[in-house]
């Protein structure tokens, strides 16, 4: 019987850098740098908008990803304000 591994959804920058995914980090009000993660694509869309690029990551690899990105903390379900979302109207 196969064991299903848990994955999380991580937001990415809109434009890939040298064909490499670049995680989108967020500065928190206490000046810590956060790596946002979401339990599903639906949660990411609800919190970040439908234009947010994303990738899935095995949940047990999140600490390694946090370290690699230089984030101070991992924040689950971080709600972005409208002005911080991809694809927002300008003007």
C-alpha atoms as a PDB file:
ATOM      1  CA  UNK A   1       0.000   0.000   0.000  1.00  0.00           C
ATOM      2  CA  UNK A   2       1.454   3.371  -1.076  1.00  0.00           C
ATOM      3  CA  UNK A   3       1.825   6.105   1.514  1.00  0.00           C
ATOM      4  CA  UNK A   4       0.657   9.483   0.266  1.00  0.00           C
ATOM      5  CA  UNK A   5       3.051  12.288   1.165  1.00  0.00           C
ATOM      6  CA  UNK A   6       1.718  15.651   2.293  1.00  0.00           C
ATOM      7  CA  UNK A   7       2.428  18.598   0.017  1.00  0.00           C
ATOM      8  CA  UNK A   8       2.038  22.331   0.511  1.00  0.00           C
ATOM      9  CA  UNK A   9       1.643  25.078  -2.065  1.00  0.00           C
ATOM     10  CA  UNK A  10       4.314  27.803  -2.195  1.00  0.00           C
ATOM     11  CA  UNK A  11       3.898  31.116  -4.060  1.00  0.00           C
ATOM     12  CA  UNK A  12       6.485  31.998  -6.702  1.00  0.00           C
ATOM     13  CA  UNK A  13       7.637  35.168  -8.411  1.00  0.00           C
ATOM     14  CA  UNK A  14       5.824  35.782 -11.680  1.00  0.00           C
ATOM     15  CA  UNK A  15       8.913  35.572 -13.868  1.00  0.00           C
ATOM     16  CA  UNK A  16      11.230  32.575 -13.605  1.00  0.00           C
ATOM     17  CA  UNK A  17      14.900  33.418 -13.151  1.00  0.00           C
ATOM     18  CA  UNK A  18      17.047  31.294 -15.455  1.00  0.00           C
ATOM     19  CA  UNK A  19      14.286  28.658 -15.580  1.00  0.00           C
ATOM     20  CA  UNK A  20      14.565  28.267 -11.812  1.00  0.00           C
ATOM     21  CA  UNK A  21      11.597  28.740  -9.513  1.00  0.00           C
ATOM     22  CA  UNK A  22      12.041  31.623  -7.069  1.00  0.00           C
ATOM     23  CA  UNK A  23       9.881  31.579  -3.955  1.00  0.00           C
ATOM     24  CA  UNK A  24       8.023  34.742  -3.111  1.00  0.00           C
ATOM     25  CA  UNK A  25       8.840  35.907   0.405  1.00  0.00           C
ATOM     26  CA  UNK A  26       6.888  38.499   2.419  1.00  0.00           C
ATOM     27  CA  UNK A  27       8.079  41.010   4.976  1.00  0.00           C
ATOM     28  CA  UNK A  28       5.982  40.829   8.124  1.00  0.00           C
ATOM     29  CA  UNK A  29       5.054  43.828  10.263  1.00  0.00           C
ATOM     30  CA  UNK A  30       7.721  42.785  12.798  1.00  0.00           C
ATOM     31  CA  UNK A  31      10.393  42.900  10.025  1.00  0.00           C
ATOM     32  CA  UNK A  32      10.819  39.124   9.829  1.00  0.00           C
ATOM     33  CA  UNK A  33      10.988  37.608   6.348  1.00  0.00           C
ATOM     34  CA  UNK A  34       8.287  34.972   5.835  1.00  0.00           C
ATOM     35  CA  UNK A  35       7.967  32.031   3.486  1.00  0.00           C
ATOM     36  CA  UNK A  36       4.197  31.680   2.973  1.00  0.00           C
ATOM     37  CA  UNK A  37       2.800  28.168   2.499  1.00  0.00           C
ATOM     38  CA  UNK A  38      -0.752  27.023   1.796  1.00  0.00           C
ATOM     39  CA  UNK A  39      -2.538  23.725   2.350  1.00  0.00           C
ATOM     40  CA  UNK A  40      -4.088  23.748  -1.138  1.00  0.00           C
ATOM     41  CA  UNK A  41      -4.228  25.682  -4.388  1.00  0.00           C
ATOM     42  CA  UNK A  42      -7.701  26.839  -3.362  1.00  0.00           C
ATOM     43  CA  UNK A  43      -6.312  28.363  -0.166  1.00  0.00           C
ATOM     44  CA  UNK A  44      -3.486  30.049  -2.089  1.00  0.00           C
ATOM     45  CA  UNK A  45      -6.001  31.578  -4.537  1.00  0.00           C
ATOM     46  CA  UNK A  46      -8.224  32.758  -1.671  1.00  0.00           C
ATOM     47  CA  UNK A  47      -5.260  34.388   0.091  1.00  0.00           C
ATOM     48  CA  UNK A  48      -3.141  35.587  -2.855  1.00  0.00           C
ATOM     49  CA  UNK A  49      -5.463  35.852  -5.855  1.00  0.00           C
ATOM     50  CA  UNK A  50      -5.957  33.767  -8.963  1.00  0.00           C
ATOM     51  CA  UNK A  51      -2.935  35.133 -10.821  1.00  0.00           C
ATOM     52  CA  UNK A  52      -0.398  33.998  -8.215  1.00  0.00           C
ATOM     53  CA  UNK A  53       2.195  31.580  -9.634  1.00  0.00           C
ATOM     54  CA  UNK A  54       2.876  28.583  -7.398  1.00  0.00           C
ATOM     55  CA  UNK A  55       4.530  25.200  -6.977  1.00  0.00           C
ATOM     56  CA  UNK A  56       3.996  22.266  -4.674  1.00  0.00           C
ATOM     57  CA  UNK A  57       6.620  21.113  -2.193  1.00  0.00           C
ATOM     58  CA  UNK A  58       6.709  18.089   0.074  1.00  0.00           C
ATOM     59  CA  UNK A  59       5.754  19.363   3.518  1.00  0.00           C
ATOM     60  CA  UNK A  60       8.755  17.731   5.163  1.00  0.00           C
ATOM     61  CA  UNK A  61      11.058  19.767   2.858  1.00  0.00           C
ATOM     62  CA  UNK A  62       9.671  23.159   3.975  1.00  0.00           C
ATOM     63  CA  UNK A  63      12.344  23.745   6.664  1.00  0.00           C
ATOM     64  CA  UNK A  64      15.032  23.131   4.045  1.00  0.00           C
ATOM     65  CA  UNK A  65      13.268  25.531   1.648  1.00  0.00           C
ATOM     66  CA  UNK A  66      12.999  28.149   4.421  1.00  0.00           C
ATOM     67  CA  UNK A  67      16.727  27.908   5.009  1.00  0.00           C
ATOM     68  CA  UNK A  68      17.566  28.025   1.295  1.00  0.00           C
ATOM     69  CA  UNK A  69      15.453  31.150   0.734  1.00  0.00           C
ATOM     70  CA  UNK A  70      16.770  33.000   3.776  1.00  0.00           C
ATOM     71  CA  UNK A  71      13.307  33.326   5.315  1.00  0.00           C
ATOM     72  CA  UNK A  72      13.110  33.771   9.071  1.00  0.00           C
ATOM     73  CA  UNK A  73       9.778  31.978   9.497  1.00  0.00           C
ATOM     74  CA  UNK A  74       7.217  29.874   7.648  1.00  0.00           C
ATOM     75  CA  UNK A  75       3.684  31.282   7.783  1.00  0.00           C
ATOM     76  CA  UNK A  76       0.700  29.101   6.906  1.00  0.00           C
ATOM     77  CA  UNK A  77      -2.229  30.732   5.107  1.00  0.00           C
ATOM     78  CA  UNK A  78      -0.799  34.268   4.910  1.00  0.00           C
ATOM     79  CA  UNK A  79      -3.524  36.578   3.574  1.00  0.00           C
ATOM     80  CA  UNK A  80      -2.143  39.171   1.136  1.00  0.00           C
ATOM     81  CA  UNK A  81      -3.744  42.596   0.865  1.00  0.00           C
ATOM     82  CA  UNK A  82      -5.280  43.390  -2.542  1.00  0.00           C
ATOM     83  CA  UNK A  83      -2.439  45.749  -3.469  1.00  0.00           C
ATOM     84  CA  UNK A  84       0.169  42.980  -2.983  1.00  0.00           C
ATOM     85  CA  UNK A  85      -1.527  40.443  -5.269  1.00  0.00           C
ATOM     86  CA  UNK A  86      -0.428  39.502  -8.785  1.00  0.00           C
ATOM     87  CA  UNK A  87      -2.698  40.673 -11.595  1.00  0.00           C
ATOM     88  CA  UNK A  88      -4.182  43.553  -9.611  1.00  0.00           C
ATOM     89  CA  UNK A  89      -5.572  46.530 -11.459  1.00  0.00           C
ATOM     90  CA  UNK A  90      -3.217  49.506 -11.671  1.00  0.00           C
ATOM     91  CA  UNK A  91      -4.396  53.098 -11.627  1.00  0.00           C
END
